[in-house]
Amino acid sequence: MSWSILLLMILLLVAVIETRQLARLHSPRDMAVFYGFWGIAAAATVADMAGLTQIRPLDWIRGFMQLTGLAA
């Protein structure tokens, strides 16, 4: 099994689980942020599977960590 397919399956599972939890919170802002990040991760994974040149999923996470000062 390809790592990209495994990552997509995990992303789908996380979306299902988190949607239920976010719906209970009744917070549209939290749901919008979650789906924003989820969409970026899913789009980057699909683009990587298609062989398109773009930032790989872990590269944008590393960039975010460097912006926030979390990178060691």
C-alpha atoms as a PDB file:
ATOM      1  CA  MET A   1       0.000   0.000   0.000  1.00  0.00           C
ATOM      2  CA  SER A   2       1.238   3.454  -0.876  1.00  0.00           C
ATOM      3  CA  TRP A   3       2.006   5.895   1.938  1.00  0.00           C
ATOM      4  CA  SER A   4      -0.168   8.503   0.223  1.00  0.00           C
ATOM      5  CA  ILE A   5      -3.193   6.205   0.213  1.00  0.00           C
ATOM      6  CA  LEU A   6      -2.615   5.375   3.882  1.00  0.00           C
ATOM      7  CA  LEU A   7      -2.362   9.092   4.675  1.00  0.00           C
ATOM      8  CA  LEU A   8      -5.613   9.801   2.811  1.00  0.00           C
ATOM      9  CA  MET A   9      -7.402   7.042   4.733  1.00  0.00           C
ATOM     10  CA  ILE A  10      -6.139   8.480   8.030  1.00  0.00           C
ATOM     11  CA  LEU A  11      -7.210  11.985   6.961  1.00  0.00           C
ATOM     12  CA  LEU A  12     -10.684  10.688   6.133  1.00  0.00           C
ATOM     13  CA  LEU A  13     -10.951   8.916   9.493  1.00  0.00           C
ATOM     14  CA  VAL A  14      -9.833  12.046  11.335  1.00  0.00           C
ATOM     15  CA  ALA A  15     -12.382  14.144   9.435  1.00  0.00           C
ATOM     16  CA  VAL A  16     -15.226  11.827  10.438  1.00  0.00           C
ATOM     17  CA  ILE A  17     -14.197  11.678  14.096  1.00  0.00           C
ATOM     18  CA  GLU A  18     -13.455  15.390  14.467  1.00  0.00           C
ATOM     19  CA  THR A  19     -16.604  16.510  12.661  1.00  0.00           C
ATOM     20  CA  ARG A  20     -18.722  14.798  15.293  1.00  0.00           C
ATOM     21  CA  GLN A  21     -16.725  16.394  18.120  1.00  0.00           C
ATOM     22  CA  LEU A  22     -16.699  19.850  16.532  1.00  0.00           C
ATOM     23  CA  ALA A  23     -20.431  19.688  15.885  1.00  0.00           C
ATOM     24  CA  ARG A  24     -21.005  19.175  19.612  1.00  0.00           C
ATOM     25  CA  LEU A  25     -18.983  22.334  20.365  1.00  0.00           C
ATOM     26  CA  HIS A  26     -21.191  24.470  18.079  1.00  0.00           C
ATOM     27  CA  SER A  27     -18.155  26.525  17.049  1.00  0.00           C
ATOM     28  CA  PRO A  28     -18.191  27.472  13.361  1.00  0.00           C
ATOM     29  CA  ARG A  29     -14.778  29.136  13.711  1.00  0.00           C
ATOM     30  CA  ASP A  30     -13.118  25.968  15.025  1.00  0.00           C
ATOM     31  CA  MET A  31     -14.777  23.887  12.325  1.00  0.00           C
ATOM     32  CA  ALA A  32     -13.634  26.312   9.601  1.00  0.00           C
ATOM     33  CA  VAL A  33     -10.029  26.221  10.829  1.00  0.00           C
ATOM     34  CA  PHE A  34     -10.060  22.435  11.067  1.00  0.00           C
ATOM     35  CA  TYR A  35     -11.468  21.992   7.555  1.00  0.00           C
ATOM     36  CA  GLY A  36      -9.042  24.587   6.218  1.00  0.00           C
ATOM     37  CA  PHE A  37      -6.032  22.662   7.474  1.00  0.00           C
ATOM     38  CA  TRP A  38      -7.641  19.340   6.583  1.00  0.00           C
ATOM     39  CA  GLY A  39      -8.294  20.549   3.039  1.00  0.00           C
ATOM     40  CA  ILE A  40      -4.698  21.709   2.609  1.00  0.00           C
ATOM     41  CA  ALA A  41      -3.413  18.354   3.825  1.00  0.00           C
ATOM     42  CA  ALA A  42      -5.785  16.371   1.611  1.00  0.00           C
ATOM     43  CA  ALA A  43      -5.067  18.532  -1.466  1.00  0.00           C
ATOM     44  CA  ALA A  44      -1.324  18.301  -0.935  1.00  0.00           C
ATOM     45  CA  THR A  45      -1.522  14.516  -0.592  1.00  0.00           C
ATOM     46  CA  VAL A  46      -3.623  14.120  -3.747  1.00  0.00           C
ATOM     47  CA  ALA A  47      -1.316  16.458  -5.679  1.00  0.00           C
ATOM     48  CA  ASP A  48       1.694  14.476  -4.467  1.00  0.00           C
ATOM     49  CA  MET A  49       0.041  11.247  -5.620  1.00  0.00           C
ATOM     50  CA  ALA A  50      -0.608  12.823  -9.032  1.00  0.00           C
ATOM     51  CA  GLY A  51       3.037  13.785  -9.303  1.00  0.00           C
ATOM     52  CA  LEU A  52       2.390  17.507  -9.452  1.00  0.00           C
ATOM     53  CA  THR A  53       5.210  19.779  -8.364  1.00  0.00           C
ATOM     54  CA  GLN A  54       4.144  21.491  -5.183  1.00  0.00           C
ATOM     55  CA  ILE A  55       4.935  21.620  -1.499  1.00  0.00           C
ATOM     56  CA  ARG A  56       4.757  18.175   0.058  1.00  0.00           C
ATOM     57  CA  PRO A  57       2.479  17.741   3.113  1.00  0.00           C
ATOM     58  CA  LEU A  58       5.289  17.649   5.659  1.00  0.00           C
ATOM     59  CA  ASP A  59       6.975  20.703   4.123  1.00  0.00           C
ATOM     60  CA  TRP A  60       4.053  23.017   4.905  1.00  0.00           C
ATOM     61  CA  ILE A  61       3.902  21.611   8.447  1.00  0.00           C
ATOM     62  CA  ARG A  62       7.630  22.314   8.884  1.00  0.00           C
ATOM     63  CA  GLY A  63       7.105  25.834   7.510  1.00  0.00           C
ATOM     64  CA  PHE A  64       4.259  26.455   9.969  1.00  0.00           C
ATOM     65  CA  MET A  65       6.381  25.211  12.858  1.00  0.00           C
ATOM     66  CA  GLN A  66       9.225  27.534  11.848  1.00  0.00           C
ATOM     67  CA  LEU A  67       6.842  30.496  11.680  1.00  0.00           C
ATOM     68  CA  THR A  68       5.511  29.817  15.159  1.00  0.00           C
ATOM     69  CA  GLY A  69       8.919  29.072  16.660  1.00  0.00           C
ATOM     70  CA  LEU A  70       8.099  25.449  17.493  1.00  0.00           C
ATOM     71  CA  ALA A  71      10.904  23.978  15.372  1.00  0.00           C
ATOM     72  CA  ALA A  72      13.946  22.813  17.307  1.00  0.00           C
END
